[in-house]
Amino acid sequence: MNKSEFKTEFKNALWGSIEIPLFLKKGVSRFTPHLSGLFISVLVPLLVIPIYLILLPAEEGLEEKSFIFRLSILTCSTLISSILYLSCIYFLKNYNTSKLEFIEFVTAFNWLSLSNLLIQIPFLLLGIVGVSSWDIIYDMLILTIFYSCAYLTFLIFHLLKTNWAVSFAFAIIAVITSEVVNYFISIVIQSS
């Protein structure tokens, strides 16, 4: 891949990560089903994680832990939940879905972590500035999770060619997988 192709692919993926939460069909078609795009997309969640750690207060029990420790915990959690979720979707997807379409879905799914961050930043800034308490901010962040389920449903519907109900179930599986992994990781941390 040369420099101009990389620049075009990167620009299209950025636009796609903005257009999908707006439910624009064009956003779904902006991701390429190439392995190079897939490898670049894996870096997006890894770059978003430190931003979350900077903006969010430390979880209970992790206040005294170093930034590197919390970064490794959140990175492990994100990697494990993403691998479990994508494995589950791979085996549950429509049999008519090609491997290239699935690679395109994985690429788009990774880029949606940037969309989630952009949607949540205003709420996080309200907590940092002190306009609102963190209890209220966490309630608002839960609402953004519902919104992210909606546009993930939209993405799944168009890329994996399933019906809306199956697409919504796949989106809910993403939330459940993430919560279950976070729960088990917190148990492991508390027991050590």
Protein backbone atom coordinates (compact mmCIF):
# COMPACT_ATOMS: atom_id res chain seq x y z
CA MET A 1 0.00 0.00 0.00
CA ASN A 2 1.48 3.33 -0.99
CA LYS A 3 1.14 6.61 0.86
CA SER A 4 -1.76 8.01 -1.19
CA GLU A 5 -3.78 4.78 -0.83
CA PHE A 6 -3.18 4.80 2.93
CA LYS A 7 -4.25 8.43 3.17
CA THR A 8 -7.44 7.77 1.18
CA GLU A 9 -8.29 4.66 3.18
CA PHE A 10 -7.65 6.46 6.48
CA LYS A 11 -9.77 9.46 5.43
CA ASN A 12 -12.63 7.21 4.30
CA ALA A 13 -12.53 5.27 7.58
CA LEU A 14 -12.64 8.51 9.58
CA TRP A 15 -15.65 9.68 7.58
CA GLY A 16 -17.28 6.30 8.02
CA SER A 17 -16.83 6.44 11.79
CA ILE A 18 -18.63 9.81 11.77
CA GLU A 19 -21.37 8.89 9.29
CA ILE A 20 -22.43 5.56 10.84
CA PRO A 21 -23.63 7.14 14.13
CA LEU A 22 -25.67 9.50 11.93
CA PHE A 23 -27.21 6.42 10.25
CA LEU A 24 -25.92 7.37 6.80
CA LYS A 25 -25.67 4.39 4.45
CA LYS A 26 -22.64 5.90 2.77
CA GLY A 27 -20.70 5.48 6.02
CA VAL A 28 -21.09 1.71 5.87
CA SER A 29 -19.48 1.54 2.43
CA ARG A 30 -16.41 3.58 3.41
CA PHE A 31 -14.48 0.68 4.93
CA THR A 32 -12.34 -1.51 2.72
CA PRO A 33 -12.22 -5.30 3.06
CA HIS A 34 -8.42 -5.42 2.82
CA LEU A 35 -6.14 -6.87 5.46
CA SER A 36 -4.15 -3.63 5.50
CA GLY A 37 -7.28 -1.72 6.53
CA LEU A 38 -8.02 -4.35 9.15
CA PHE A 39 -4.56 -4.03 10.70
CA ILE A 40 -4.84 -0.24 10.78
CA SER A 41 -8.28 -0.48 12.39
CA VAL A 42 -6.92 -2.62 15.24
CA LEU A 43 -4.79 0.34 16.28
CA VAL A 44 -7.82 2.61 16.72
CA PRO A 45 -9.19 1.00 19.94
CA LEU A 46 -5.64 0.77 21.27
CA LEU A 47 -5.21 4.53 20.76
CA VAL A 48 -8.63 5.33 22.26
CA ILE A 49 -7.99 3.43 25.52
CA PRO A 50 -5.41 5.89 26.98
CA ILE A 51 -7.77 8.78 26.26
CA TYR A 52 -10.48 7.09 28.31
CA LEU A 53 -8.03 6.51 31.15
CA ILE A 54 -7.07 10.18 31.15
CA LEU A 55 -10.67 11.43 31.07
CA LEU A 56 -12.33 8.98 33.48
CA PRO A 57 -11.60 8.82 37.20
CA ALA A 58 -9.93 5.59 38.33
CA GLU A 59 -12.25 2.73 39.20
CA GLU A 60 -12.81 1.82 42.82
CA GLY A 61 -9.89 -0.22 44.08
CA LEU A 62 -7.58 0.98 41.32
CA GLU A 63 -6.97 4.52 42.59
CA GLU A 64 -3.50 3.69 43.93
CA LYS A 65 -2.49 1.65 40.87
CA SER A 66 -0.23 3.15 38.24
CA PHE A 67 -1.42 4.43 34.87
CA ILE A 68 0.45 1.59 33.14
CA PHE A 69 -1.32 -1.03 35.29
CA ARG A 70 -4.75 0.46 34.54
CA LEU A 71 -3.81 0.76 30.85
CA SER A 72 -2.85 -2.91 30.70
CA ILE A 73 -6.08 -3.96 32.46
CA LEU A 74 -8.28 -1.93 30.11
CA THR A 75 -6.32 -3.09 27.06
CA CYS A 76 -6.66 -6.75 28.09
CA SER A 77 -10.35 -6.26 28.74
CA THR A 78 -10.89 -4.63 25.35
CA LEU A 79 -8.89 -7.26 23.48
CA ILE A 80 -10.57 -10.21 25.19
CA SER A 81 -14.10 -8.85 24.78
CA SER A 82 -13.48 -7.92 21.12
CA ILE A 83 -12.03 -11.32 20.29
CA LEU A 84 -14.91 -13.12 22.02
CA TYR A 85 -17.51 -10.90 20.38
CA LEU A 86 -16.07 -11.14 16.87
CA SER A 87 -15.63 -14.91 17.22
CA CYS A 88 -19.25 -15.23 18.28
CA ILE A 89 -20.45 -13.09 15.38
CA TYR A 90 -18.30 -15.05 12.93
CA PHE A 91 -20.00 -18.29 13.90
CA LEU A 92 -23.50 -16.80 14.11
CA LYS A 93 -23.41 -14.67 10.95
CA ASN A 94 -25.42 -15.39 7.86
CA TYR A 95 -23.91 -18.16 5.76
CA ASN A 96 -24.16 -15.89 2.69
CA THR A 97 -21.73 -13.41 4.24
CA SER A 98 -18.33 -13.69 2.60
CA LYS A 99 -15.00 -13.50 4.43
CA LEU A 100 -14.31 -10.14 2.79
CA GLU A 101 -17.60 -8.76 4.12
CA PHE A 102 -16.71 -10.03 7.58
CA ILE A 103 -13.26 -8.37 7.37
CA GLU A 104 -15.03 -5.17 6.36
CA PHE A 105 -17.31 -5.54 9.40
CA VAL A 106 -14.37 -6.09 11.76
CA THR A 107 -12.65 -3.02 10.33
CA ALA A 108 -15.77 -0.89 10.80
CA PHE A 109 -16.35 -2.32 14.28
CA ASN A 110 -12.85 -1.28 15.35
CA TRP A 111 -13.30 2.22 13.96
CA LEU A 112 -16.57 2.59 15.91
CA SER A 113 -14.51 2.82 19.11
CA LEU A 114 -13.52 6.27 17.86
CA SER A 115 -17.21 7.09 17.31
CA ASN A 116 -18.01 6.00 20.86
CA LEU A 117 -15.27 8.24 22.23
CA LEU A 118 -16.40 11.26 20.21
CA ILE A 119 -19.97 10.81 21.45
CA GLN A 120 -18.91 10.42 25.08
CA ILE A 121 -16.32 13.24 25.25
CA PRO A 122 -18.87 16.04 25.94
CA PHE A 123 -20.26 14.11 28.91
CA LEU A 124 -16.79 13.30 30.22
CA LEU A 125 -15.81 16.95 29.99
CA LEU A 126 -18.88 17.90 32.04
CA GLY A 127 -17.59 15.63 34.80
CA ILE A 128 -14.02 16.88 34.57
CA VAL A 129 -15.02 20.55 34.68
CA GLY A 130 -17.35 19.83 37.60
CA VAL A 131 -20.59 20.91 35.96
CA SER A 132 -22.15 17.60 36.90
CA SER A 133 -21.39 14.81 39.35
CA TRP A 134 -19.80 11.61 38.11
CA ASP A 135 -22.89 9.64 39.16
CA ILE A 136 -24.97 11.62 36.68
CA ILE A 137 -22.23 11.39 34.05
CA TYR A 138 -22.16 7.58 34.35
CA ASP A 139 -25.95 7.54 33.86
CA MET A 140 -25.52 9.59 30.69
CA LEU A 141 -22.78 7.24 29.50
CA ILE A 142 -25.22 4.35 29.86
CA LEU A 143 -27.55 6.20 27.48
CA THR A 144 -24.69 6.51 24.99
CA ILE A 145 -24.30 2.72 25.17
CA PHE A 146 -27.93 2.37 24.01
CA TYR A 147 -27.19 4.79 21.18
CA SER A 148 -24.06 2.84 20.22
CA CYS A 149 -26.18 -0.33 20.12
CA ALA A 150 -28.49 1.43 17.67
CA TYR A 151 -25.77 2.40 15.21
CA LEU A 152 -23.98 -0.93 15.64
CA THR A 153 -27.30 -2.56 14.69
CA PHE A 154 -27.37 -0.31 11.63
CA LEU A 155 -23.83 -1.35 10.68
CA ILE A 156 -24.52 -5.07 11.17
CA PHE A 157 -27.75 -4.86 9.19
CA HIS A 158 -26.01 -3.35 6.17
CA LEU A 159 -22.67 -5.17 6.25
CA LEU A 160 -23.63 -8.66 7.37
CA LYS A 161 -26.99 -8.60 5.53
CA THR A 162 -29.12 -9.84 8.40
CA ASN A 163 -32.57 -8.65 9.42
CA TRP A 164 -33.03 -5.91 12.01
CA ALA A 165 -33.87 -8.26 14.89
CA VAL A 166 -30.76 -10.39 14.38
CA SER A 167 -28.66 -7.24 13.93
CA PHE A 168 -29.97 -5.86 17.21
CA ALA A 169 -29.26 -9.17 18.96
CA PHE A 170 -25.68 -9.08 17.63
CA ALA A 171 -25.30 -5.52 18.94
CA ILE A 172 -26.57 -6.56 22.37
CA ILE A 173 -24.08 -9.43 22.37
CA ALA A 174 -21.32 -6.81 22.08
CA VAL A 175 -22.49 -5.07 25.26
CA ILE A 176 -23.00 -8.33 27.16
CA THR A 177 -19.58 -9.65 26.15
CA SER A 178 -17.88 -6.46 27.27
CA GLU A 179 -19.68 -6.39 30.62
CA VAL A 180 -19.02 -10.07 31.36
CA VAL A 181 -15.31 -9.71 30.58
CA ASN A 182 -15.07 -6.56 32.73
CA TYR A 183 -16.83 -8.38 35.57
CA PHE A 184 -14.43 -11.34 35.50
CA ILE A 185 -11.39 -9.10 35.24
CA SER A 186 -12.57 -7.09 38.26
CA ILE A 187 -12.97 -10.35 40.22
CA VAL A 188 -9.44 -11.37 39.30
CA ILE A 189 -8.06 -7.97 40.34
CA GLN A 190 -9.94 -7.98 43.66
CA SER A 191 -8.78 -11.50 44.53
CA SER A 192 -5.11 -10.64 43.97
